[in-house]
C-alpha atoms as a PDB file:
ATOM      1  CA  MET A   1     157.239 -10.832 203.860  1.00  0.00           C
ATOM      2  CA  LYS A   2     158.214 -14.507 203.817  1.00  0.00           C
ATOM      3  CA  THR A   3     160.362 -16.274 201.266  1.00  0.00           C
ATOM      4  CA  PHE A   4     158.330 -18.385 198.858  1.00  0.00           C
ATOM      5  CA  VAL A   5     159.443 -22.017 198.641  1.00  0.00           C
ATOM      6  CA  PRO A   6     157.548 -24.037 196.015  1.00  0.00           C
ATOM      7  CA  LYS A   7     155.868 -27.258 197.112  1.00  0.00           C
ATOM      8  CA  THR A   8     155.235 -30.149 194.751  1.00  0.00           C
ATOM      9  CA  ALA A   9     151.606 -28.995 194.363  1.00  0.00           C
ATOM     10  CA  ASP A  10     152.776 -25.518 193.223  1.00  0.00           C
ATOM     11  CA  ILE A  11     154.890 -26.879 190.364  1.00  0.00           C
ATOM     12  CA  ASP A  12     153.157 -27.006 186.986  1.00  0.00           C
ATOM     13  CA  ARG A  13     155.205 -29.243 184.688  1.00  0.00           C
ATOM     14  CA  LYS A  14     154.927 -28.757 180.942  1.00  0.00           C
ATOM     15  CA  TRP A  15     156.242 -30.870 178.080  1.00  0.00           C
ATOM     16  CA  TYR A  16     158.405 -29.285 175.387  1.00  0.00           C
ATOM     17  CA  VAL A  17     159.702 -30.647 172.081  1.00  0.00           C
ATOM     18  CA  VAL A  18     163.052 -29.339 170.856  1.00  0.00           C
ATOM     19  CA  ASP A  19     164.157 -30.007 167.284  1.00  0.00           C
ATOM     20  CA  ALA A  20     167.944 -30.374 167.461  1.00  0.00           C
ATOM     21  CA  GLU A  21     168.533 -30.362 163.708  1.00  0.00           C
ATOM     22  CA  GLY A  22     171.537 -28.179 162.883  1.00  0.00           C
ATOM     23  CA  MET A  23     172.032 -26.991 166.482  1.00  0.00           C
ATOM     24  CA  VAL A  24     175.439 -26.921 168.158  1.00  0.00           C
ATOM     25  CA  LEU A  25     175.639 -29.596 170.861  1.00  0.00           C
ATOM     26  CA  GLY A  26     176.892 -27.417 173.726  1.00  0.00           C
ATOM     27  CA  ARG A  27     174.435 -24.580 173.112  1.00  0.00           C
ATOM     28  CA  LEU A  28     171.563 -27.044 172.892  1.00  0.00           C
ATOM     29  CA  ALA A  29     172.669 -28.772 176.088  1.00  0.00           C
ATOM     30  CA  SER A  30     172.966 -25.580 178.142  1.00  0.00           C
ATOM     31  CA  GLN A  31     169.527 -24.312 177.115  1.00  0.00           C
ATOM     32  CA  VAL A  32     167.861 -27.693 177.713  1.00  0.00           C
ATOM     33  CA  ALA A  33     169.582 -27.992 181.120  1.00  0.00           C
ATOM     34  CA  ASN A  34     168.112 -24.615 182.147  1.00  0.00           C
ATOM     35  CA  ILE A  35     164.606 -25.818 181.246  1.00  0.00           C
ATOM     36  CA  LEU A  36     165.098 -29.116 183.105  1.00  0.00           C
ATOM     37  CA  ARG A  37     166.248 -27.187 186.194  1.00  0.00           C
ATOM     38  CA  GLY A  38     163.372 -24.706 185.949  1.00  0.00           C
ATOM     39  CA  LYS A  39     165.545 -21.611 185.662  1.00  0.00           C
ATOM     40  CA  ASN A  40     163.130 -20.188 183.089  1.00  0.00           C
ATOM     41  CA  LYS A  41     160.345 -19.980 185.716  1.00  0.00           C
ATOM     42  CA  PRO A  42     159.779 -17.294 188.338  1.00  0.00           C
ATOM     43  CA  ILE A  43     159.365 -19.961 191.063  1.00  0.00           C
ATOM     44  CA  TYR A  44     162.895 -21.338 190.499  1.00  0.00           C
ATOM     45  CA  THR A  45     164.544 -22.589 193.668  1.00  0.00           C
ATOM     46  CA  PRO A  46     168.013 -24.191 193.534  1.00  0.00           C
ATOM     47  CA  ASN A  47     167.206 -27.061 195.897  1.00  0.00           C
ATOM     48  CA  VAL A  48     163.793 -27.983 194.403  1.00  0.00           C
ATOM     49  CA  ASP A  49     163.121 -29.624 191.048  1.00  0.00           C
ATOM     50  CA  THR A  50     160.872 -27.025 189.396  1.00  0.00           C
ATOM     51  CA  GLY A  51     161.763 -27.929 185.816  1.00  0.00           C
ATOM     52  CA  ASP A  52     159.750 -29.174 182.854  1.00  0.00           C
ATOM     53  CA  PHE A  53     159.957 -32.264 180.665  1.00  0.00           C
ATOM     54  CA  VAL A  54     161.993 -31.929 177.452  1.00  0.00           C
ATOM     55  CA  ILE A  55     161.829 -34.161 174.379  1.00  0.00           C
ATOM     56  CA  ILE A  56     164.749 -33.772 171.977  1.00  0.00           C
ATOM     57  CA  ILE A  57     164.178 -35.034 168.440  1.00  0.00           C
ATOM     58  CA  ASN A  58     166.655 -35.295 165.542  1.00  0.00           C
ATOM     59  CA  ALA A  59     169.570 -35.893 167.926  1.00  0.00           C
ATOM     60  CA  ASP A  60     171.471 -37.470 165.039  1.00  0.00           C
ATOM     61  CA  LYS A  61     171.567 -34.093 163.268  1.00  0.00           C
ATOM     62  CA  VAL A  62     173.333 -32.209 166.082  1.00  0.00           C
ATOM     63  CA  VAL A  63     176.498 -30.379 165.011  1.00  0.00           C
ATOM     64  CA  LEU A  64     179.885 -30.258 166.723  1.00  0.00           C
ATOM     65  CA  THR A  65     182.056 -27.287 165.745  1.00  0.00           C
ATOM     66  CA  GLY A  66     185.724 -27.324 164.803  1.00  0.00           C
ATOM     67  CA  LYS A  67     187.602 -30.621 164.901  1.00  0.00           C
ATOM     68  CA  LYS A  68     185.602 -32.003 167.832  1.00  0.00           C
ATOM     69  CA  LEU A  69     184.244 -34.960 165.842  1.00  0.00           C
ATOM     70  CA  ASP A  70     187.775 -36.330 165.494  1.00  0.00           C
ATOM     71  CA  GLN A  71     189.454 -34.974 168.632  1.00  0.00           C
ATOM     72  CA  LYS A  72     186.782 -35.172 171.350  1.00  0.00           C
ATOM     73  CA  ILE A  73     186.633 -38.544 173.123  1.00  0.00           C
ATOM     74  CA  PHE A  74     183.737 -40.084 175.069  1.00  0.00           C
ATOM     75  CA  TYR A  75     184.972 -42.118 178.056  1.00  0.00           C
ATOM     76  CA  HIS A  76     183.028 -44.695 180.031  1.00  0.00           C
ATOM     77  CA  HIS A  77     184.036 -47.486 182.375  1.00  0.00           C
ATOM     78  CA  SER A  78     182.870 -51.089 182.411  1.00  0.00           C
ATOM     79  CA  GLY A  79     183.290 -51.365 186.170  1.00  0.00           C
ATOM     80  CA  TYR A  80     186.126 -53.893 185.947  1.00  0.00           C
ATOM     81  CA  ALA A  81     189.829 -53.225 186.500  1.00  0.00           C
ATOM     82  CA  GLY A  82     191.332 -51.737 183.336  1.00  0.00           C
ATOM     83  CA  GLY A  83     187.859 -51.321 181.873  1.00  0.00           C
ATOM     84  CA  LEU A  84     188.121 -47.719 180.678  1.00  0.00           C
ATOM     85  CA  LYS A  85     186.590 -47.491 177.205  1.00  0.00           C
ATOM     86  CA  GLU A  86     186.997 -44.577 174.842  1.00  0.00           C
ATOM     87  CA  THR A  87     185.121 -43.673 171.666  1.00  0.00           C
ATOM     88  CA  LYS A  88     185.695 -40.789 169.262  1.00  0.00           C
ATOM     89  CA  TYR A  89     182.661 -38.560 168.833  1.00  0.00           C
ATOM     90  CA  ARG A  90     182.499 -39.260 165.080  1.00  0.00           C
ATOM     91  CA  LYS A  91     181.776 -42.926 165.828  1.00  0.00           C
ATOM     92  CA  LEU A  92     179.518 -42.118 168.801  1.00  0.00           C
ATOM     93  CA  MET A  93     177.412 -39.667 166.766  1.00  0.00           C
ATOM     94  CA  ALA A  94     177.062 -42.241 163.978  1.00  0.00           C
ATOM     95  CA  GLU A  95     176.051 -45.132 166.260  1.00  0.00           C
ATOM     96  CA  LYS A  96     174.414 -43.612 169.378  1.00  0.00           C
ATOM     97  CA  PRO A  97     173.716 -39.881 169.036  1.00  0.00           C
ATOM     98  CA  GLU A  98     171.276 -40.031 171.981  1.00  0.00           C
ATOM     99  CA  VAL A  99     174.152 -40.947 174.320  1.00  0.00           C
ATOM    100  CA  ALA A 100     176.232 -37.969 173.180  1.00  0.00           C
ATOM    101  CA  VAL A 101     173.362 -35.505 173.693  1.00  0.00           C
ATOM    102  CA  ARG A 102     172.384 -37.015 177.068  1.00  0.00           C
ATOM    103  CA  HIS A 103     176.013 -36.870 178.250  1.00  0.00           C
ATOM    104  CA  ALA A 104     176.232 -33.172 177.346  1.00  0.00           C
ATOM    105  CA  VAL A 105     172.943 -32.216 179.035  1.00  0.00           C
ATOM    106  CA  VAL A 106     173.384 -34.294 182.209  1.00  0.00           C
ATOM    107  CA  GLY A 107     176.883 -32.856 182.634  1.00  0.00           C
ATOM    108  CA  MET A 108     175.271 -29.421 183.007  1.00  0.00           C
ATOM    109  CA  LEU A 109     172.804 -30.521 185.699  1.00  0.00           C
ATOM    110  CA  PRO A 110     173.557 -30.616 189.433  1.00  0.00           C
ATOM    111  CA  LYS A 111     175.296 -33.726 190.694  1.00  0.00           C
ATOM    112  CA  GLY A 112     173.513 -35.961 193.219  1.00  0.00           C
ATOM    113  CA  PRO A 113     169.918 -37.077 193.751  1.00  0.00           C
ATOM    114  CA  LEU A 114     168.402 -33.777 192.562  1.00  0.00           C
ATOM    115  CA  GLY A 115     170.315 -33.866 189.283  1.00  0.00           C
ATOM    116  CA  ARG A 116     169.360 -37.510 188.666  1.00  0.00           C
ATOM    117  CA  GLN A 117     165.706 -36.616 189.223  1.00  0.00           C
ATOM    118  CA  MET A 118     166.009 -33.776 186.695  1.00  0.00           C
ATOM    119  CA  ALA A 119     167.750 -36.055 184.170  1.00  0.00           C
ATOM    120  CA  LYS A 120     164.767 -38.434 184.213  1.00  0.00           C
ATOM    121  CA  LYS A 121     162.651 -35.684 182.631  1.00  0.00           C
ATOM    122  CA  LEU A 122     164.834 -35.695 179.498  1.00  0.00           C
ATOM    123  CA  LYS A 123     163.703 -37.833 176.539  1.00  0.00           C
ATOM    124  CA  ILE A 124     165.996 -38.069 173.491  1.00  0.00           C
ATOM    125  CA  TYR A 125     165.270 -39.572 170.059  1.00  0.00           C
ATOM    126  CA  ALA A 126     167.619 -39.868 167.074  1.00  0.00           C
ATOM    127  CA  GLY A 127     164.841 -39.457 164.493  1.00  0.00           C
ATOM    128  CA  ASP A 128     161.958 -37.025 164.193  1.00  0.00           C
ATOM    129  CA  GLN A 129     159.381 -39.366 165.805  1.00  0.00           C
ATOM    130  CA  HIS A 130     158.673 -39.572 169.536  1.00  0.00           C
ATOM    131  CA  GLU A 131     156.169 -41.490 171.607  1.00  0.00           C
ATOM    132  CA  HIS A 132     154.917 -38.688 173.849  1.00  0.00           C
ATOM    133  CA  ALA A 133     152.053 -37.309 171.762  1.00  0.00           C
ATOM    134  CA  ALA A 134     149.611 -38.052 174.598  1.00  0.00           C
ATOM    135  CA  GLN A 135     151.349 -35.420 176.766  1.00  0.00           C
ATOM    136  CA  LYS A 136     150.598 -32.725 174.126  1.00  0.00           C
ATOM    137  CA  PRO A 137     154.110 -31.220 174.126  1.00  0.00           C
ATOM    138  CA  GLU A 138     154.633 -27.646 172.983  1.00  0.00           C
ATOM    139  CA  VAL A 139     157.242 -26.924 170.318  1.00  0.00           C
ATOM    140  CA  LEU A 140     160.075 -24.911 171.831  1.00  0.00           C
ATOM    141  CA  LYS A 141     162.277 -22.854 169.540  1.00  0.00           C
ATOM    142  CA  LEU A 142     165.826 -22.457 170.858  1.00  0.00           C
ATOM    143  CA  GLN A 143     168.517 -20.179 169.418  1.00  0.00           C
END
């Protein structure tokens, strides 16, 4: 018996909508990362992108537990010398909640070209409206 390696023709990609209202950021991110990787499918292969598309709505209503809103810091760099910027998560969640959710999910994906390809299948919206109705996404209920 030979080992099955999925080809691009074997992969059936679905679209899922996840409502993030009231969900804890880390738990949401880990479950979405598994779907983007394809770990929920029987044809999962670590070196092949077998995952599905995920649309996250209500990203502005994601919850951080404990004192993380005031203590957790989001770092990014401008690319210039001394250009390290830092933002508290309270301010980041108020201004750009999509960035906070994307940062959490992409951090749980593989690094390199495969992880970047998986990250492109993630669509995040702060409100409850999205522009992917033509793809007929299924509602996915996460715990």
